[in-house]
Amino acid sequence: MIKRLLCFAAAVAAIVSTPAPAQQTPTKIAVINIQAAMINTGDGRKAATELQSRFEPRRKSLESKQGEIAQLQQELNKGSNTMAEARRVDLTRQIDTKTKSLQREQQDAEEEFQLEQNKILNDLGQRLMVVIDKYAKDNNYAVVIDIGSQQTPVLWAATGIDITKDIIGLYDKNAPPAGAAPTGAAPTGAAAAPAPAAPAAPRPSVLAPAKKK
C-alpha cells in the first residue's frame, strides 16, 4: 500500500514538473489592400454614397458658376474684334472676379470634402482593424502588410496570401460597432490601425479649378 502511494506521488510530481509546451510563434505572412477593403465593404459603399449626396448641392452650385464664367468668356471671345472697349473691360473684370471667387469656393469645398472623408475612413479603418486582428490571430499570421500604401516596400506578393476579399466578407458578415478597437497589441510589424490619407471616393469633377480661355 505504501509502495503504491509512493508511486502515485511520484507520477503526480512528474506531471506537475513537466513544462507546458511553448506556444508556437506565428510565422505566416499576409497582405491586404486596406483602402480597397474599406471602400468595398457595405459600410464603405454606403458612406461614399451618402458623402457624395451631401456635397451634391455644392457640386451643382459650382458647376452653375463655371457655366456662367464660360458664357462670359464665350461672349468675350466672339466679340473681341467688334466689341466696345468698355464692354470688353467689363467682361474681363467679371470673368476675373468670378473665376477667383469660384476657385476659393472650390478650395473650400475640397477641404471640407476631404475632412469629412477622412473622418469616415478613420472610423471605418478602426472597425476594419478589429476584423483583421481577429482574422490574423485565428489563422496564425505573424504579419499583415498593407500593400495599398505607397510607403509599403512590397514589390511582389503571391495572390494566395492576399486576404483583402476575406476581410471584406468577414466585415460585412459581422461589422464591428463604431468605436470598436482590436483587443490586445498587434504583433510587431503587423498593420496598425490605418488612417489613410488617400480619398476613398472620387471628388466631384466640378471641384477642379476653372481655367481661363
N, C-alpha and C. Protein backbone atom coordinates (compact mmCIF):
# COMPACT_ATOMS: atom_id res chain seq x y z
N MET A 1 0.83 -1.20 0.00
CA MET A 1 0.00 0.00 0.00
C MET A 1 0.87 1.26 0.00
N ILE A 2 1.84 1.29 0.86
CA ILE A 2 2.75 2.42 0.95
C ILE A 2 3.52 2.58 -0.36
N LYS A 3 3.87 1.42 -0.93
CA LYS A 3 4.61 1.45 -2.19
C LYS A 3 3.78 2.07 -3.30
N ARG A 4 2.45 1.72 -3.31
CA ARG A 4 1.56 2.29 -4.32
C ARG A 4 1.42 3.79 -4.17
N LEU A 5 1.27 4.23 -2.93
CA LEU A 5 1.15 5.66 -2.67
C LEU A 5 2.39 6.42 -3.13
N LEU A 6 3.55 5.83 -2.88
CA LEU A 6 4.79 6.46 -3.29
C LEU A 6 4.87 6.58 -4.81
N CYS A 7 4.43 5.51 -5.49
CA CYS A 7 4.45 5.52 -6.96
C CYS A 7 3.48 6.58 -7.50
N PHE A 8 2.29 6.67 -6.87
CA PHE A 8 1.30 7.66 -7.30
C PHE A 8 1.83 9.08 -7.10
N ALA A 9 2.46 9.30 -5.95
CA ALA A 9 3.02 10.62 -5.66
C ALA A 9 4.11 10.99 -6.65
N ALA A 10 4.92 10.02 -7.02
CA ALA A 10 5.99 10.27 -7.98
C ALA A 10 5.43 10.62 -9.35
N ALA A 11 4.33 9.95 -9.72
CA ALA A 11 3.71 10.22 -11.02
C ALA A 11 3.12 11.63 -11.06
N VAL A 12 2.45 12.02 -9.95
CA VAL A 12 1.87 13.37 -9.88
C VAL A 12 2.96 14.42 -9.96
N ALA A 13 4.06 14.19 -9.26
CA ALA A 13 5.17 15.13 -9.27
C ALA A 13 5.75 15.27 -10.66
N ALA A 14 5.80 14.16 -11.37
CA ALA A 14 6.36 14.20 -12.73
C ALA A 14 5.47 15.02 -13.65
N ILE A 15 4.12 14.88 -13.48
CA ILE A 15 3.20 15.63 -14.32
C ILE A 15 3.29 17.13 -14.05
N VAL A 16 3.34 17.47 -12.74
CA VAL A 16 3.39 18.87 -12.34
C VAL A 16 4.67 19.54 -12.82
N SER A 17 5.78 18.79 -12.74
CA SER A 17 7.07 19.37 -13.08
C SER A 17 7.33 19.42 -14.58
N THR A 18 6.50 18.72 -15.36
CA THR A 18 6.70 18.72 -16.82
C THR A 18 6.28 20.06 -17.40
N PRO A 19 7.17 20.80 -18.06
CA PRO A 19 6.82 22.12 -18.59
C PRO A 19 5.78 22.03 -19.70
N ALA A 20 4.86 22.99 -19.72
CA ALA A 20 3.84 23.02 -20.77
C ALA A 20 4.51 23.35 -22.09
N PRO A 21 4.01 22.77 -23.17
CA PRO A 21 4.61 23.04 -24.48
C PRO A 21 4.53 24.53 -24.82
N ALA A 22 5.62 25.09 -25.32
CA ALA A 22 5.66 26.51 -25.65
C ALA A 22 4.69 26.82 -26.78
N GLN A 23 4.03 27.97 -26.69
CA GLN A 23 3.10 28.37 -27.74
C GLN A 23 3.86 28.64 -29.02
N GLN A 24 3.36 28.05 -30.10
CA GLN A 24 4.05 28.18 -31.38
C GLN A 24 3.99 29.62 -31.87
N THR A 25 5.13 30.15 -32.26
CA THR A 25 5.20 31.52 -32.77
C THR A 25 4.64 31.57 -34.18
N PRO A 26 3.70 32.48 -34.43
CA PRO A 26 3.15 32.58 -35.79
C PRO A 26 4.25 32.92 -36.79
N THR A 27 4.18 32.34 -37.96
CA THR A 27 5.20 32.58 -38.99
C THR A 27 4.60 33.00 -40.33
N LYS A 28 3.29 32.89 -40.49
CA LYS A 28 2.66 33.19 -41.77
C LYS A 28 2.59 34.71 -42.02
N ILE A 29 2.64 35.08 -43.28
CA ILE A 29 2.55 36.49 -43.67
C ILE A 29 1.38 36.65 -44.63
N ALA A 30 0.63 37.74 -44.46
CA ALA A 30 -0.49 38.05 -45.35
C ALA A 30 -0.35 39.49 -45.82
N VAL A 31 -0.98 39.77 -46.94
CA VAL A 31 -1.03 41.15 -47.43
C VAL A 31 -2.49 41.55 -47.60
N ILE A 32 -2.74 42.85 -47.52
CA ILE A 32 -4.09 43.36 -47.67
C ILE A 32 -4.02 44.77 -48.25
N ASN A 33 -4.99 45.11 -49.05
CA ASN A 33 -5.12 46.48 -49.53
C ASN A 33 -6.18 47.14 -48.65
N ILE A 34 -5.73 47.88 -47.65
CA ILE A 34 -6.64 48.46 -46.66
C ILE A 34 -7.66 49.38 -47.31
N GLN A 35 -7.21 50.25 -48.20
CA GLN A 35 -8.13 51.20 -48.82
C GLN A 35 -9.18 50.48 -49.65
N ALA A 36 -8.76 49.48 -50.43
CA ALA A 36 -9.71 48.73 -51.24
C ALA A 36 -10.70 47.99 -50.34
N ALA A 37 -10.20 47.46 -49.23
CA ALA A 37 -11.08 46.75 -48.30
C ALA A 37 -12.13 47.69 -47.73
N MET A 38 -11.70 48.89 -47.32
CA MET A 38 -12.63 49.83 -46.70
C MET A 38 -13.72 50.27 -47.66
N ILE A 39 -13.34 50.64 -48.89
CA ILE A 39 -14.33 51.20 -49.80
C ILE A 39 -15.22 50.13 -50.43
N ASN A 40 -14.87 48.87 -50.26
CA ASN A 40 -15.68 47.80 -50.83
C ASN A 40 -16.53 47.07 -49.80
N THR A 41 -16.43 47.47 -48.55
CA THR A 41 -17.36 46.92 -47.56
C THR A 41 -18.72 47.58 -47.77
N GLY A 42 -19.75 46.97 -47.22
CA GLY A 42 -21.08 47.57 -47.31
C GLY A 42 -21.10 48.94 -46.67
N ASP A 43 -20.47 49.08 -45.50
CA ASP A 43 -20.42 50.38 -44.83
C ASP A 43 -19.65 51.40 -45.65
N GLY A 44 -18.58 50.96 -46.31
CA GLY A 44 -17.77 51.87 -47.12
C GLY A 44 -18.55 52.41 -48.31
N ARG A 45 -19.25 51.51 -49.00
CA ARG A 45 -20.04 51.94 -50.16
C ARG A 45 -21.18 52.88 -49.74
N LYS A 46 -21.81 52.55 -48.62
CA LYS A 46 -22.90 53.38 -48.12
C LYS A 46 -22.40 54.77 -47.74
N ALA A 47 -21.25 54.81 -47.04
CA ALA A 47 -20.68 56.08 -46.61
C ALA A 47 -20.29 56.94 -47.80
N ALA A 48 -19.72 56.32 -48.84
CA ALA A 48 -19.31 57.06 -50.03
C ALA A 48 -20.53 57.67 -50.73
N THR A 49 -21.61 56.89 -50.82
CA THR A 49 -22.84 57.39 -51.46
C THR A 49 -23.43 58.55 -50.67
N GLU A 50 -23.46 58.41 -49.35
CA GLU A 50 -24.02 59.47 -48.51
C GLU A 50 -23.17 60.74 -48.59
N LEU A 51 -21.85 60.57 -48.64
CA LEU A 51 -20.97 61.73 -48.72
C LEU A 51 -21.17 62.48 -50.03
N GLN A 52 -21.27 61.73 -51.12
CA GLN A 52 -21.50 62.37 -52.41
C GLN A 52 -22.84 63.09 -52.44
N SER A 53 -23.85 62.49 -51.81
CA SER A 53 -25.18 63.11 -51.78
C SER A 53 -25.15 64.42 -50.99
N ARG A 54 -24.40 64.43 -49.90
CA ARG A 54 -24.31 65.64 -49.08
C ARG A 54 -23.65 66.78 -49.82
N PHE A 55 -22.70 66.46 -50.70
CA PHE A 55 -21.98 67.50 -51.42
C PHE A 55 -22.55 67.77 -52.80
N GLU A 56 -23.63 67.06 -53.16
CA GLU A 56 -24.21 67.25 -54.48
C GLU A 56 -24.73 68.67 -54.70
N PRO A 57 -25.43 69.30 -53.74
CA PRO A 57 -25.86 70.69 -53.95
C PRO A 57 -24.69 71.63 -54.17
N ARG A 58 -23.60 71.42 -53.43
CA ARG A 58 -22.40 72.25 -53.62
C ARG A 58 -21.82 72.02 -55.00
N ARG A 59 -21.81 70.78 -55.43
CA ARG A 59 -21.27 70.46 -56.76
C ARG A 59 -22.06 71.16 -57.85
N LYS A 60 -23.39 71.11 -57.72
CA LYS A 60 -24.23 71.74 -58.73
C LYS A 60 -24.05 73.26 -58.74
N SER A 61 -23.90 73.84 -57.55
CA SER A 61 -23.69 75.28 -57.47
C SER A 61 -22.40 75.70 -58.15
N LEU A 62 -21.34 74.95 -57.90
CA LEU A 62 -20.04 75.26 -58.52
C LEU A 62 -20.10 75.05 -60.03
N GLU A 63 -20.83 74.02 -60.44
CA GLU A 63 -20.96 73.74 -61.86
C GLU A 63 -21.71 74.88 -62.56
N SER A 64 -22.74 75.39 -61.89
CA SER A 64 -23.50 76.50 -62.45
C SER A 64 -22.63 77.74 -62.61
N LYS A 65 -21.80 78.01 -61.61
CA LYS A 65 -20.93 79.19 -61.66
C LYS A 65 -19.86 79.02 -62.74
N GLN A 66 -19.41 77.81 -62.94
CA GLN A 66 -18.47 77.55 -64.04
C GLN A 66 -19.12 77.85 -65.38
N GLY A 67 -20.41 77.48 -65.48
CA GLY A 67 -21.14 77.74 -66.72
C GLY A 67 -21.28 79.23 -66.99
N GLU A 68 -21.51 80.00 -65.93
CA GLU A 68 -21.63 81.46 -66.08
C GLU A 68 -20.32 82.05 -66.61
N ILE A 69 -19.22 81.58 -66.05
CA ILE A 69 -17.91 82.08 -66.49
C ILE A 69 -17.65 81.69 -67.94
N ALA A 70 -18.04 80.47 -68.30
CA ALA A 70 -17.84 80.01 -69.68
C ALA A 70 -18.64 80.86 -70.66
N GLN A 71 -19.85 81.24 -70.28
CA GLN A 71 -20.68 82.08 -71.17
C GLN A 71 -20.06 83.47 -71.36
N LEU A 72 -19.58 84.03 -70.26
CA LEU A 72 -18.93 85.35 -70.36
C LEU A 72 -17.67 85.26 -71.22
N GLN A 73 -16.91 84.17 -71.04
CA GLN A 73 -15.69 84.00 -71.82
C GLN A 73 -16.01 83.84 -73.30
N GLN A 74 -17.11 83.13 -73.59
CA GLN A 74 -17.52 82.92 -74.97
C GLN A 74 -17.94 84.25 -75.62
N GLU A 75 -18.68 85.05 -74.85
CA GLU A 75 -19.10 86.37 -75.36
C GLU A 75 -17.89 87.25 -75.64
N LEU A 76 -16.91 87.19 -74.74
CA LEU A 76 -15.70 88.00 -74.93
C LEU A 76 -14.93 87.54 -76.16
N ASN A 77 -14.82 86.24 -76.35
CA ASN A 77 -14.08 85.71 -77.50
C ASN A 77 -14.75 86.06 -78.83
N LYS A 78 -16.08 85.95 -78.85
CA LYS A 78 -16.80 86.21 -80.10
C LYS A 78 -16.75 87.68 -80.50
N GLY A 79 -16.83 88.55 -79.52
CA GLY A 79 -16.89 89.98 -79.86
C GLY A 79 -15.58 90.71 -79.66
N SER A 80 -14.50 89.99 -79.59
CA SER A 80 -13.22 90.62 -79.30
C SER A 80 -12.82 91.67 -80.34
N ASN A 81 -13.25 91.50 -81.61
CA ASN A 81 -12.84 92.43 -82.67
C ASN A 81 -13.83 93.57 -82.87
N THR A 82 -15.08 93.37 -82.45
CA THR A 82 -16.11 94.38 -82.71
C THR A 82 -16.68 95.00 -81.44
N MET A 83 -16.37 94.45 -80.31
CA MET A 83 -16.95 94.89 -79.04
C MET A 83 -16.38 96.23 -78.60
N ALA A 84 -17.25 97.03 -77.99
CA ALA A 84 -16.80 98.31 -77.45
C ALA A 84 -15.80 98.06 -76.33
N GLU A 85 -14.85 98.95 -76.20
CA GLU A 85 -13.78 98.79 -75.21
C GLU A 85 -14.35 98.70 -73.80
N ALA A 86 -15.36 99.50 -73.51
CA ALA A 86 -15.94 99.49 -72.16
C ALA A 86 -16.54 98.12 -71.84
N ARG A 87 -17.21 97.54 -72.86
CA ARG A 87 -17.82 96.21 -72.65
C ARG A 87 -16.75 95.15 -72.49
N ARG A 88 -15.68 95.27 -73.28
CA ARG A 88 -14.58 94.30 -73.17
C ARG A 88 -13.94 94.35 -71.79
N VAL A 89 -13.73 95.55 -71.29
CA VAL A 89 -13.14 95.71 -69.95
C VAL A 89 -14.06 95.14 -68.88
N ASP A 90 -15.37 95.42 -69.04
CA ASP A 90 -16.34 94.93 -68.06
C ASP A 90 -16.39 93.40 -68.04
N LEU A 91 -16.41 92.78 -69.22
CA LEU A 91 -16.44 91.33 -69.30
C LEU A 91 -15.18 90.72 -68.69
N THR A 92 -14.05 91.31 -69.01
CA THR A 92 -12.78 90.81 -68.48
C THR A 92 -12.77 90.89 -66.96
N ARG A 93 -13.29 92.01 -66.43
CA ARG A 93 -13.35 92.17 -64.98
C ARG A 93 -14.27 91.14 -64.35
N GLN A 94 -15.45 90.92 -64.96
CA GLN A 94 -16.40 89.94 -64.43
C GLN A 94 -15.80 88.53 -64.43
N ILE A 95 -15.16 88.19 -65.53
CA ILE A 95 -14.56 86.85 -65.63
C ILE A 95 -13.49 86.66 -64.56
N ASP A 96 -12.66 87.66 -64.38
CA ASP A 96 -11.58 87.57 -63.40
C ASP A 96 -12.14 87.45 -61.97
N THR A 97 -13.13 88.28 -61.67
CA THR A 97 -13.72 88.28 -60.33
C THR A 97 -14.43 86.96 -60.04
N LYS A 98 -15.23 86.51 -61.00
CA LYS A 98 -15.99 85.28 -60.81
C LYS A 98 -15.06 84.06 -60.75
N THR A 99 -13.98 84.08 -61.53
CA THR A 99 -13.04 82.96 -61.52
C THR A 99 -12.33 82.85 -60.18
N LYS A 100 -11.90 83.98 -59.65
CA LYS A 100 -11.24 83.97 -58.34
C LYS A 100 -12.18 83.50 -57.24
N SER A 101 -13.42 83.97 -57.31
CA SER A 101 -14.42 83.57 -56.33
C SER A 101 -14.70 82.07 -56.42
N LEU A 102 -14.81 81.57 -57.64
CA LEU A 102 -15.07 80.15 -57.85
C LEU A 102 -13.92 79.30 -57.33
N GLN A 103 -12.71 79.73 -57.59
CA GLN A 103 -11.54 78.98 -57.14
C GLN A 103 -11.49 78.89 -55.61
N ARG A 104 -11.87 80.00 -54.94
CA ARG A 104 -11.90 79.96 -53.47
C ARG A 104 -12.97 78.99 -52.98
N GLU A 105 -14.14 79.04 -53.62
CA GLU A 105 -15.22 78.13 -53.23
C GLU A 105 -14.84 76.67 -53.50
N GLN A 106 -14.16 76.43 -54.61
CA GLN A 106 -13.71 75.08 -54.94
C GLN A 106 -12.73 74.56 -53.89
N GLN A 107 -11.81 75.42 -53.50
CA GLN A 107 -10.83 75.03 -52.50
C GLN A 107 -11.51 74.71 -51.16
N ASP A 108 -12.45 75.56 -50.77
CA ASP A 108 -13.19 75.31 -49.53
C ASP A 108 -13.95 74.00 -49.59
N ALA A 109 -14.59 73.76 -50.74
CA ALA A 109 -15.37 72.53 -50.91
C ALA A 109 -14.47 71.30 -50.85
N GLU A 110 -13.32 71.38 -51.50
CA GLU A 110 -12.38 70.26 -51.48
C GLU A 110 -11.89 69.96 -50.08
N GLU A 111 -11.58 71.01 -49.33
CA GLU A 111 -11.08 70.82 -47.97
C GLU A 111 -12.15 70.21 -47.07
N GLU A 112 -13.39 70.69 -47.21
CA GLU A 112 -14.48 70.13 -46.42
C GLU A 112 -14.75 68.68 -46.80
N PHE A 113 -14.72 68.41 -48.10
CA PHE A 113 -14.95 67.06 -48.59
C PHE A 113 -13.88 66.11 -48.05
N GLN A 114 -12.62 66.55 -48.11
CA GLN A 114 -11.51 65.73 -47.63
C GLN A 114 -11.60 65.49 -46.13
N LEU A 115 -11.99 66.52 -45.39
CA LEU A 115 -12.11 66.39 -43.94
C LEU A 115 -13.18 65.37 -43.57
N GLU A 116 -14.34 65.50 -44.20
CA GLU A 116 -15.43 64.56 -43.91
C GLU A 116 -15.07 63.15 -44.34
N GLN A 117 -14.40 63.05 -45.47
CA GLN A 117 -13.99 61.74 -45.98
C GLN A 117 -13.00 61.06 -45.03
N ASN A 118 -12.04 61.84 -44.53
CA ASN A 118 -11.06 61.27 -43.61
C ASN A 118 -11.69 60.82 -42.30
N LYS A 119 -12.71 61.55 -41.84
CA LYS A 119 -13.41 61.12 -40.63
C LYS A 119 -14.05 59.75 -40.85
N ILE A 120 -14.68 59.59 -42.01
CA ILE A 120 -15.33 58.32 -42.33
C ILE A 120 -14.29 57.20 -42.43
N LEU A 121 -13.19 57.47 -43.12
CA LEU A 121 -12.15 56.46 -43.31
C LEU A 121 -11.50 56.06 -41.99
N ASN A 122 -11.26 57.04 -41.12
CA ASN A 122 -10.63 56.73 -39.84
C ASN A 122 -11.53 55.84 -38.99
N ASP A 123 -12.82 56.16 -38.97
CA ASP A 123 -13.75 55.35 -38.19
C ASP A 123 -13.87 53.95 -38.78
N LEU A 124 -14.01 53.88 -40.11
CA LEU A 124 -14.15 52.59 -40.77
C LEU A 124 -12.86 51.79 -40.64
N GLY A 125 -11.73 52.48 -40.71
CA GLY A 125 -10.44 51.79 -40.59
C GLY A 125 -10.27 51.14 -39.22
N GLN A 126 -10.69 51.83 -38.17
CA GLN A 126 -10.60 51.27 -36.82
C GLN A 126 -11.46 50.01 -36.70
N ARG A 127 -12.67 50.06 -37.26
CA ARG A 127 -13.55 48.89 -37.18
C ARG A 127 -13.02 47.74 -38.03
N LEU A 128 -12.42 48.07 -39.16
CA LEU A 128 -11.85 47.04 -40.02
C LEU A 128 -10.68 46.35 -39.32
N MET A 129 -9.93 47.12 -38.52
CA MET A 129 -8.79 46.54 -37.81
C MET A 129 -9.23 45.49 -36.80
N VAL A 130 -10.43 45.63 -36.26
CA VAL A 130 -10.95 44.61 -35.34
C VAL A 130 -11.05 43.27 -36.07
N VAL A 131 -11.56 43.33 -37.30
CA VAL A 131 -11.71 42.11 -38.11
C VAL A 131 -10.35 41.55 -38.50
N ILE A 132 -9.44 42.43 -38.92
CA ILE A 132 -8.09 41.98 -39.30
C ILE A 132 -7.37 41.35 -38.12
N ASP A 133 -7.49 41.98 -36.96
CA ASP A 133 -6.84 41.48 -35.75
C ASP A 133 -7.31 40.07 -35.43
N LYS A 134 -8.61 39.85 -35.45
CA LYS A 134 -9.15 38.52 -35.13
C LYS A 134 -8.78 37.50 -36.20
N TYR A 135 -8.87 37.92 -37.46
CA TYR A 135 -8.55 37.01 -38.56
C TYR A 135 -7.09 36.57 -38.49
N ALA A 136 -6.20 37.52 -38.22
CA ALA A 136 -4.77 37.20 -38.15
C ALA A 136 -4.48 36.24 -37.01
N LYS A 137 -5.09 36.48 -35.86
CA LYS A 137 -4.85 35.59 -34.72
C LYS A 137 -5.45 34.21 -34.94
N ASP A 138 -6.66 34.17 -35.50
CA ASP A 138 -7.31 32.88 -35.73
C ASP A 138 -6.58 32.04 -36.76
N ASN A 139 -5.91 32.70 -37.70
CA ASN A 139 -5.23 31.98 -38.78
C ASN A 139 -3.71 31.95 -38.63
N ASN A 140 -3.23 32.32 -37.45
CA ASN A 140 -1.81 32.18 -37.11
C ASN A 140 -0.89 33.01 -38.01
N TYR A 141 -1.32 34.25 -38.32
CA TYR A 141 -0.47 35.14 -39.10
C TYR A 141 0.43 35.95 -38.17
N ALA A 142 1.69 36.07 -38.55
CA ALA A 142 2.64 36.87 -37.77
C ALA A 142 2.62 38.32 -38.21
N VAL A 143 2.41 38.54 -39.50
CA VAL A 143 2.46 39.89 -40.06
C VAL A 143 1.37 40.04 -41.12
N VAL A 144 0.70 41.21 -41.10
CA VAL A 144 -0.24 41.57 -42.17
C VAL A 144 0.23 42.91 -42.72
N ILE A 145 0.57 42.94 -44.00
CA ILE A 145 1.16 44.12 -44.63
C ILE A 145 0.15 44.80 -45.55
N ASP A 146 0.05 46.11 -45.42
CA ASP A 146 -0.85 46.88 -46.28
C ASP A 146 -0.14 47.20 -47.58
N ILE A 147 -0.50 46.52 -48.65
CA ILE A 147 0.13 46.75 -49.95
C ILE A 147 -0.53 47.90 -50.70
N GLY A 148 -1.61 48.46 -50.13
CA GLY A 148 -2.26 49.59 -50.77
C GLY A 148 -1.57 50.90 -50.49
N SER A 149 -0.65 50.90 -49.53
CA SER A 149 0.07 52.12 -49.17
C SER A 149 1.30 52.28 -50.06
N GLN A 150 1.50 53.50 -50.54
CA GLN A 150 2.67 53.77 -51.38
C GLN A 150 3.96 53.69 -50.57
N GLN A 151 3.85 53.76 -49.26
CA GLN A 151 5.04 53.71 -48.41
C GLN A 151 5.45 52.28 -48.08
N THR A 152 4.64 51.30 -48.47
CA THR A 152 4.97 49.91 -48.18
C THR A 152 5.88 49.36 -49.28
N PRO A 153 7.11 48.96 -48.93
CA PRO A 153 8.06 48.49 -49.95
C PRO A 153 7.83 47.04 -50.36
N VAL A 154 6.65 46.75 -50.90
CA VAL A 154 6.35 45.40 -51.39
C VAL A 154 6.32 45.45 -52.91
N LEU A 155 7.27 44.78 -53.53
CA LEU A 155 7.36 44.78 -54.98
C LEU A 155 6.50 43.70 -55.62
N TRP A 156 6.31 42.61 -54.88
CA TRP A 156 5.52 41.50 -55.41
C TRP A 156 5.01 40.66 -54.27
N ALA A 157 3.80 40.14 -54.41
CA ALA A 157 3.23 39.24 -53.41
C ALA A 157 2.32 38.26 -54.10
N ALA A 158 2.37 37.01 -53.70
CA ALA A 158 1.52 35.97 -54.29
C ALA A 158 0.06 36.27 -53.95
N THR A 159 -0.81 36.03 -54.91
CA THR A 159 -2.24 36.30 -54.68
C THR A 159 -2.80 35.42 -53.58
N GLY A 160 -2.17 34.29 -53.34
CA GLY A 160 -2.67 33.37 -52.32
C GLY A 160 -2.57 33.89 -50.91
N ILE A 161 -1.74 34.93 -50.69
CA ILE A 161 -1.61 35.47 -49.33
C ILE A 161 -2.35 36.80 -49.18
N ASP A 162 -3.09 37.19 -50.23
CA ASP A 162 -3.88 38.43 -50.16
C ASP A 162 -5.21 38.12 -49.47
N ILE A 163 -5.44 38.74 -48.33
CA ILE A 163 -6.63 38.46 -47.54
C ILE A 163 -7.69 39.56 -47.67
N THR A 164 -7.53 40.45 -48.65
CA THR A 164 -8.46 41.58 -48.79
C THR A 164 -9.90 41.12 -48.92
N LYS A 165 -10.17 40.18 -49.83
CA LYS A 165 -11.54 39.72 -50.03
C LYS A 165 -12.08 39.01 -48.79
N ASP A 166 -11.24 38.24 -48.14
CA ASP A 166 -11.67 37.55 -46.92
C ASP A 166 -12.09 38.54 -45.85
N ILE A 167 -11.31 39.61 -45.70
CA ILE A 167 -11.61 40.61 -44.67
C ILE A 167 -12.89 41.36 -45.01
N ILE A 168 -13.09 41.69 -46.28
CA ILE A 168 -14.33 42.36 -46.69
C ILE A 168 -15.53 41.49 -46.35
N GLY A 169 -15.42 40.20 -46.69
CA GLY A 169 -16.51 39.28 -46.41
C GLY A 169 -16.80 39.14 -44.92
N LEU A 170 -15.75 39.02 -44.13
CA LEU A 170 -15.93 38.88 -42.68
C LEU A 170 -16.50 40.16 -42.08
N TYR A 171 -16.04 41.30 -42.56
CA TYR A 171 -16.55 42.57 -42.05
C TYR A 171 -18.04 42.71 -42.33
N ASP A 172 -18.43 42.44 -43.58
CA ASP A 172 -19.84 42.59 -43.94
C ASP A 172 -20.72 41.58 -43.21
N LYS A 173 -20.16 40.44 -42.90
CA LYS A 173 -20.92 39.40 -42.20
C LYS A 173 -21.21 39.80 -40.76
N ASN A 174 -20.25 40.46 -40.13
CA ASN A 174 -20.43 40.84 -38.73
C ASN A 174 -19.66 42.12 -38.46
N ALA A 175 -20.17 43.25 -38.97
CA ALA A 175 -19.47 44.52 -38.86
C ALA A 175 -19.35 44.95 -37.41
N PRO A 176 -18.13 45.29 -36.94
CA PRO A 176 -17.95 45.78 -35.57
C PRO A 176 -18.63 47.12 -35.39
N PRO A 177 -19.08 47.44 -34.19
CA PRO A 177 -19.73 48.73 -33.95
C PRO A 177 -18.74 49.88 -34.04
N ALA A 178 -19.25 51.08 -34.24
CA ALA A 178 -18.39 52.26 -34.28
C ALA A 178 -17.65 52.41 -32.97
N GLY A 179 -16.37 52.78 -33.05
CA GLY A 179 -15.57 52.96 -31.84
C GLY A 179 -14.89 51.69 -31.37
N ALA A 180 -15.14 50.57 -32.05
CA ALA A 180 -14.50 49.31 -31.66
C ALA A 180 -13.03 49.37 -32.01
N ALA A 181 -12.22 48.65 -31.23
CA ALA A 181 -10.78 48.62 -31.45
C ALA A 181 -10.28 47.20 -31.25
N PRO A 182 -9.16 46.84 -31.88
CA PRO A 182 -8.60 45.50 -31.73
C PRO A 182 -8.29 45.20 -30.26
N THR A 183 -8.47 43.96 -29.86
CA THR A 183 -8.16 43.57 -28.49
C THR A 183 -6.70 43.18 -28.39
N GLY A 184 -5.98 43.81 -27.47
CA GLY A 184 -4.57 43.48 -27.31
C GLY A 184 -3.71 44.15 -28.35
N ALA A 185 -2.42 44.11 -28.13
CA ALA A 185 -1.49 44.76 -29.05
C ALA A 185 -1.25 43.89 -30.25
N ALA A 186 -1.11 44.50 -31.39
CA ALA A 186 -0.80 43.75 -32.60
C ALA A 186 0.65 43.34 -32.56
N PRO A 187 1.01 42.19 -33.21
CA PRO A 187 2.40 41.76 -33.23
C PRO A 187 3.29 42.81 -33.87
N THR A 188 4.55 42.84 -33.48
CA THR A 188 5.50 43.80 -34.05
C THR A 188 5.56 43.62 -35.55
N GLY A 189 5.43 44.72 -36.26
CA GLY A 189 5.46 44.66 -37.71
C GLY A 189 4.11 44.46 -38.33
N ALA A 190 3.09 44.16 -37.51
CA ALA A 190 1.76 43.97 -38.07
C ALA A 190 1.15 45.31 -38.40
N ALA A 191 0.12 45.27 -39.21
CA ALA A 191 -0.51 46.52 -39.64
C ALA A 191 -1.14 47.22 -38.45
N ALA A 192 -0.90 48.50 -38.36
CA ALA A 192 -1.53 49.30 -37.31
C ALA A 192 -2.86 49.80 -37.81
N ALA A 193 -3.67 50.34 -36.90
CA ALA A 193 -4.96 50.88 -37.30
C ALA A 193 -4.73 51.97 -38.34
N PRO A 194 -5.31 51.82 -39.53
CA PRO A 194 -4.99 52.72 -40.62
C PRO A 194 -5.65 54.07 -40.49
N ALA A 195 -4.95 55.07 -40.98
CA ALA A 195 -5.53 56.41 -41.08
C ALA A 195 -5.22 56.91 -42.47
N PRO A 196 -5.86 56.34 -43.49
CA PRO A 196 -5.49 56.61 -44.87
C PRO A 196 -5.72 58.05 -45.25
N ALA A 197 -4.80 58.57 -46.03
CA ALA A 197 -4.94 59.96 -46.47
C ALA A 197 -5.54 60.02 -47.87
N ALA A 198 -5.42 58.92 -48.58
CA ALA A 198 -5.95 58.91 -49.94
C ALA A 198 -7.46 58.84 -49.91
N PRO A 199 -8.15 59.51 -50.85
CA PRO A 199 -9.61 59.51 -50.84
C PRO A 199 -10.18 58.17 -51.22
N ALA A 200 -11.29 57.82 -50.60
CA ALA A 200 -11.94 56.55 -50.89
C ALA A 200 -12.87 56.67 -52.08
N ALA A 201 -13.35 57.84 -52.34
CA ALA A 201 -14.27 58.05 -53.44
C ALA A 201 -13.81 59.25 -54.26
N PRO A 202 -14.09 59.25 -55.57
CA PRO A 202 -13.64 60.37 -56.40
C PRO A 202 -14.32 61.65 -56.01
N ARG A 203 -13.56 62.74 -56.07
CA ARG A 203 -14.14 64.04 -55.77
C ARG A 203 -15.02 64.48 -56.92
N PRO A 204 -16.03 65.30 -56.65
CA PRO A 204 -16.86 65.81 -57.74
C PRO A 204 -16.01 66.55 -58.75
N SER A 205 -16.30 66.32 -60.04
CA SER A 205 -15.44 66.88 -61.09
C SER A 205 -15.43 68.40 -61.08
N VAL A 206 -16.50 69.03 -60.58
CA VAL A 206 -16.54 70.48 -60.62
C VAL A 206 -15.62 71.10 -59.60
N LEU A 207 -14.98 70.28 -58.77
CA LEU A 207 -14.06 70.83 -57.80
C LEU A 207 -12.69 71.13 -58.41
N ALA A 208 -12.52 70.78 -59.67
CA ALA A 208 -11.27 71.14 -60.35
C ALA A 208 -11.29 72.63 -60.65
N PRO A 209 -10.15 73.32 -60.48
CA PRO A 209 -10.10 74.77 -60.71
C PRO A 209 -10.54 75.13 -62.12
N ALA A 210 -11.27 76.21 -62.23
CA ALA A 210 -11.72 76.67 -63.54
C ALA A 210 -10.55 77.23 -64.31
N LYS A 211 -10.56 77.03 -65.62
CA LYS A 211 -9.45 77.50 -66.46
C LYS A 211 -9.94 78.64 -67.34
N LYS A 212 -9.10 79.64 -67.43
CA LYS A 212 -9.41 80.74 -68.35
C LYS A 212 -9.10 80.32 -69.77
N LYS A 213 -9.89 80.79 -70.67
CA LYS A 213 -9.59 80.52 -72.08
C LYS A 213 -8.81 81.68 -72.66
